C-alpha cells in the first residue's frame, strides 16, 4: 500500500520529465499562424465589406432631398415630397394623377434613382 501512494505522488513529476523541453518560437508560430490567418480572412471577407455597405447606405440616406426619385426596400417607387430627419421619416409621392403620398421611415429607402435608372421603373424622366 505504501508503494502505491509513493507512485501516485511521483506521477506528475514523471509526466513532466517525459514531455521534453518547452516549445520554441518557431513551433508556437507554426501552431498559431493558421488561427491568425483564419481570423484575418474572416475579417477581410465578412466584416469589412459589410461595414463598407453600411457606410454607403448612411451616405445615401444623408443625401436624400426633395424631388429625388427613390425605391424603398419593399419595392415602391416614388418621388420624395418631404424629408423629416428629426423624426426619421420621408414622404413619397407615388402617383402624380391622384397626388397619393405614403410616409416611410428614412431607413426603408434602398436606393436613389438617377435619370438613367428612371426608365427601369416606368417613370418619365423630368
C-alpha atoms as a PDB file:
ATOM      1  CA  UNK A   1       0.000   0.000   0.000  1.00  0.00           C
ATOM      2  CA  UNK A   2       2.832   2.318   0.784  1.00  0.00           C
ATOM      3  CA  UNK A   3       4.328   1.781  -2.647  1.00  0.00           C
ATOM      4  CA  UNK A   4       1.155   2.761  -4.498  1.00  0.00           C
ATOM      5  CA  UNK A   5       0.929   6.094  -2.609  1.00  0.00           C
ATOM      6  CA  UNK A   6       4.517   6.914  -3.479  1.00  0.00           C
ATOM      7  CA  UNK A   7       3.869   6.050  -7.127  1.00  0.00           C
ATOM      8  CA  UNK A   8       0.923   8.457  -7.318  1.00  0.00           C
ATOM      9  CA  UNK A   9       2.951  11.306  -5.873  1.00  0.00           C
ATOM     10  CA  UNK A  10       5.713  10.752  -8.434  1.00  0.00           C
ATOM     11  CA  UNK A  11       3.322  10.520 -11.398  1.00  0.00           C
ATOM     12  CA  UNK A  12       3.206  14.292 -12.149  1.00  0.00           C
ATOM     13  CA  UNK A  13       6.995  14.500 -11.975  1.00  0.00           C
ATOM     14  CA  UNK A  14       7.404  11.579 -14.364  1.00  0.00           C
ATOM     15  CA  UNK A  15       4.893  13.098 -16.824  1.00  0.00           C
ATOM     16  CA  UNK A  16       6.755  16.418 -16.810  1.00  0.00           C
ATOM     17  CA  UNK A  17      10.050  14.660 -17.462  1.00  0.00           C
ATOM     18  CA  UNK A  18       8.598  12.812 -20.475  1.00  0.00           C
ATOM     19  CA  UNK A  19       7.310  15.997 -22.192  1.00  0.00           C
ATOM     20  CA  UNK A  20      10.700  17.368 -23.070  1.00  0.00           C
ATOM     21  CA  UNK A  21      11.743  20.983 -23.452  1.00  0.00           C
ATOM     22  CA  UNK A  22       9.118  23.742 -23.868  1.00  0.00           C
ATOM     23  CA  UNK A  23       8.239  24.673 -27.463  1.00  0.00           C
ATOM     24  CA  UNK A  24      10.355  27.334 -29.120  1.00  0.00           C
ATOM     25  CA  UNK A  25       9.142  30.415 -31.004  1.00  0.00           C
ATOM     26  CA  UNK A  26       9.060  28.608 -34.355  1.00  0.00           C
ATOM     27  CA  UNK A  27       6.802  25.862 -33.022  1.00  0.00           C
ATOM     28  CA  UNK A  28       4.467  28.463 -31.474  1.00  0.00           C
ATOM     29  CA  UNK A  29       4.342  30.372 -34.771  1.00  0.00           C
ATOM     30  CA  UNK A  30       3.509  27.214 -36.707  1.00  0.00           C
ATOM     31  CA  UNK A  31       0.816  26.340 -34.153  1.00  0.00           C
ATOM     32  CA  UNK A  32      -0.957  29.718 -34.028  1.00  0.00           C
ATOM     33  CA  UNK A  33      -0.388  31.057 -37.563  1.00  0.00           C
ATOM     34  CA  UNK A  34      -3.343  29.156 -39.112  1.00  0.00           C
ATOM     35  CA  UNK A  35      -5.723  30.566 -36.480  1.00  0.00           C
ATOM     36  CA  UNK A  36      -4.447  34.110 -37.074  1.00  0.00           C
ATOM     37  CA  UNK A  37      -4.858  33.681 -40.839  1.00  0.00           C
ATOM     38  CA  UNK A  38      -8.428  32.410 -40.427  1.00  0.00           C
ATOM     39  CA  UNK A  39      -9.380  35.416 -38.279  1.00  0.00           C
ATOM     40  CA  UNK A  40      -7.771  37.804 -40.778  1.00  0.00           C
ATOM     41  CA  UNK A  41      -9.538  36.149 -43.739  1.00  0.00           C
ATOM     42  CA  UNK A  42     -12.893  36.281 -41.941  1.00  0.00           C
ATOM     43  CA  UNK A  43     -12.401  39.977 -41.257  1.00  0.00           C
ATOM     44  CA  UNK A  44     -11.482  40.694 -44.883  1.00  0.00           C
ATOM     45  CA  UNK A  45     -14.329  38.620 -46.361  1.00  0.00           C
ATOM     46  CA  UNK A  46     -17.168  39.311 -43.911  1.00  0.00           C
ATOM     47  CA  UNK A  47     -16.742  42.301 -41.624  1.00  0.00           C
ATOM     48  CA  UNK A  48     -15.024  44.797 -43.910  1.00  0.00           C
ATOM     49  CA  UNK A  49     -17.461  44.578 -46.888  1.00  0.00           C
ATOM     50  CA  UNK A  50     -20.457  44.824 -44.563  1.00  0.00           C
ATOM     51  CA  UNK A  51     -19.009  47.917 -42.904  1.00  0.00           C
ATOM     52  CA  UNK A  52     -18.409  49.464 -46.343  1.00  0.00           C
ATOM     53  CA  UNK A  53     -22.005  48.715 -47.409  1.00  0.00           C
ATOM     54  CA  UNK A  54     -23.355  50.324 -44.229  1.00  0.00           C
ATOM     55  CA  UNK A  55     -21.213  53.429 -44.808  1.00  0.00           C
ATOM     56  CA  UNK A  56     -22.569  53.806 -48.359  1.00  0.00           C
ATOM     57  CA  UNK A  57     -26.167  53.405 -47.118  1.00  0.00           C
ATOM     58  CA  UNK A  58     -25.628  56.101 -44.459  1.00  0.00           C
ATOM     59  CA  UNK A  59     -24.242  58.449 -47.121  1.00  0.00           C
ATOM     60  CA  UNK A  60     -27.205  57.700 -49.400  1.00  0.00           C
ATOM     61  CA  UNK A  61     -29.721  58.455 -46.629  1.00  0.00           C
ATOM     62  CA  UNK A  62     -27.906  61.644 -45.651  1.00  0.00           C
ATOM     63  CA  UNK A  63     -28.032  62.920 -49.252  1.00  0.00           C
ATOM     64  CA  UNK A  64     -31.768  62.341 -49.871  1.00  0.00           C
ATOM     65  CA  UNK A  65     -33.585  65.565 -50.694  1.00  0.00           C
ATOM     66  CA  UNK A  66     -36.930  66.700 -52.062  1.00  0.00           C
ATOM     67  CA  UNK A  67     -37.750  65.654 -55.676  1.00  0.00           C
ATOM     68  CA  UNK A  68     -35.325  62.687 -55.667  1.00  0.00           C
ATOM     69  CA  UNK A  69     -36.718  59.521 -57.208  1.00  0.00           C
ATOM     70  CA  UNK A  70     -36.235  56.584 -54.837  1.00  0.00           C
ATOM     71  CA  UNK A  71     -37.067  52.910 -54.408  1.00  0.00           C
ATOM     72  CA  UNK A  72     -37.968  51.585 -50.964  1.00  0.00           C
ATOM     73  CA  UNK A  73     -36.944  48.228 -49.530  1.00  0.00           C
ATOM     74  CA  UNK A  74     -40.465  46.938 -50.312  1.00  0.00           C
ATOM     75  CA  UNK A  75     -40.102  47.922 -53.971  1.00  0.00           C
ATOM     76  CA  UNK A  76     -42.291  51.017 -54.040  1.00  0.00           C
ATOM     77  CA  UNK A  77     -41.034  53.709 -56.427  1.00  0.00           C
ATOM     78  CA  UNK A  78     -41.792  57.341 -55.789  1.00  0.00           C
ATOM     79  CA  UNK A  79     -40.627  60.916 -55.647  1.00  0.00           C
ATOM     80  CA  UNK A  80     -39.573  62.419 -52.323  1.00  0.00           C
ATOM     81  CA  UNK A  81     -42.140  65.021 -51.252  1.00  0.00           C
ATOM     82  CA  UNK A  82     -40.514  65.832 -47.906  1.00  0.00           C
ATOM     83  CA  UNK A  83     -37.794  64.586 -45.564  1.00  0.00           C
ATOM     84  CA  UNK A  84     -38.083  64.836 -41.773  1.00  0.00           C
ATOM     85  CA  UNK A  85     -34.699  63.722 -40.402  1.00  0.00           C
ATOM     86  CA  UNK A  86     -35.651  64.615 -36.831  1.00  0.00           C
ATOM     87  CA  UNK A  87     -38.444  62.011 -36.808  1.00  0.00           C
ATOM     88  CA  UNK A  88     -36.723  59.675 -39.287  1.00  0.00           C
ATOM     89  CA  UNK A  89     -39.495  59.951 -41.906  1.00  0.00           C
ATOM     90  CA  UNK A  90     -39.722  60.502 -45.622  1.00  0.00           C
ATOM     91  CA  UNK A  91     -42.944  61.198 -47.546  1.00  0.00           C
ATOM     92  CA  UNK A  92     -43.070  59.756 -51.064  1.00  0.00           C
ATOM     93  CA  UNK A  93     -45.434  60.822 -53.807  1.00  0.00           C
ATOM     94  CA  UNK A  94     -46.263  57.555 -55.565  1.00  0.00           C
ATOM     95  CA  UNK A  95     -48.953  58.727 -58.015  1.00  0.00           C
ATOM     96  CA  UNK A  96     -48.892  62.045 -59.847  1.00  0.00           C
ATOM     97  CA  UNK A  97     -52.522  61.849 -61.034  1.00  0.00           C
ATOM     98  CA  UNK A  98     -54.204  61.422 -57.665  1.00  0.00           C
ATOM     99  CA  UNK A  99     -51.363  63.009 -55.662  1.00  0.00           C
ATOM    100  CA  UNK A 100     -51.056  59.888 -53.475  1.00  0.00           C
ATOM    101  CA  UNK A 101     -48.416  60.162 -50.761  1.00  0.00           C
ATOM    102  CA  UNK A 102     -47.071  57.483 -48.433  1.00  0.00           C
ATOM    103  CA  UNK A 103     -44.927  58.022 -45.329  1.00  0.00           C
ATOM    104  CA  UNK A 104     -41.952  55.698 -44.770  1.00  0.00           C
ATOM    105  CA  UNK A 105     -39.092  55.525 -42.335  1.00  0.00           C
ATOM    106  CA  UNK A 106     -35.940  57.001 -43.786  1.00  0.00           C
ATOM    107  CA  UNK A 107     -34.118  53.677 -43.413  1.00  0.00           C
ATOM    108  CA  UNK A 108     -36.605  51.963 -45.748  1.00  0.00           C
ATOM    109  CA  UNK A 109     -35.180  53.839 -48.759  1.00  0.00           C
ATOM    110  CA  UNK A 110     -32.897  51.366 -50.506  1.00  0.00           C
ATOM    111  CA  UNK A 111     -31.697  53.375 -53.489  1.00  0.00           C
ATOM    112  CA  UNK A 112     -31.904  56.753 -55.179  1.00  0.00           C
ATOM    113  CA  UNK A 113     -32.612  56.607 -58.903  1.00  0.00           C
ATOM    114  CA  UNK A 114     -30.708  58.658 -61.444  1.00  0.00           C
ATOM    115  CA  UNK A 115     -32.215  59.822 -64.732  1.00  0.00           C
ATOM    116  CA  UNK A 116     -30.829  56.749 -66.496  1.00  0.00           C
ATOM    117  CA  UNK A 117     -32.488  54.482 -63.895  1.00  0.00           C
ATOM    118  CA  UNK A 118     -35.897  56.177 -64.245  1.00  0.00           C
ATOM    119  CA  UNK A 119     -36.718  54.117 -67.353  1.00  0.00           C
ATOM    120  CA  UNK A 120     -36.449  50.905 -65.346  1.00  0.00           C
ATOM    121  CA  UNK A 121     -39.324  51.896 -63.068  1.00  0.00           C
ATOM    122  CA  UNK A 122     -41.686  53.090 -65.808  1.00  0.00           C
ATOM    123  CA  UNK A 123     -41.413  56.730 -64.749  1.00  0.00           C
ATOM    124  CA  UNK A 124     -40.806  59.559 -67.167  1.00  0.00           C
ATOM    125  CA  UNK A 125     -37.600  61.473 -66.601  1.00  0.00           C
ATOM    126  CA  UNK A 126     -38.198  65.066 -65.539  1.00  0.00           C
END
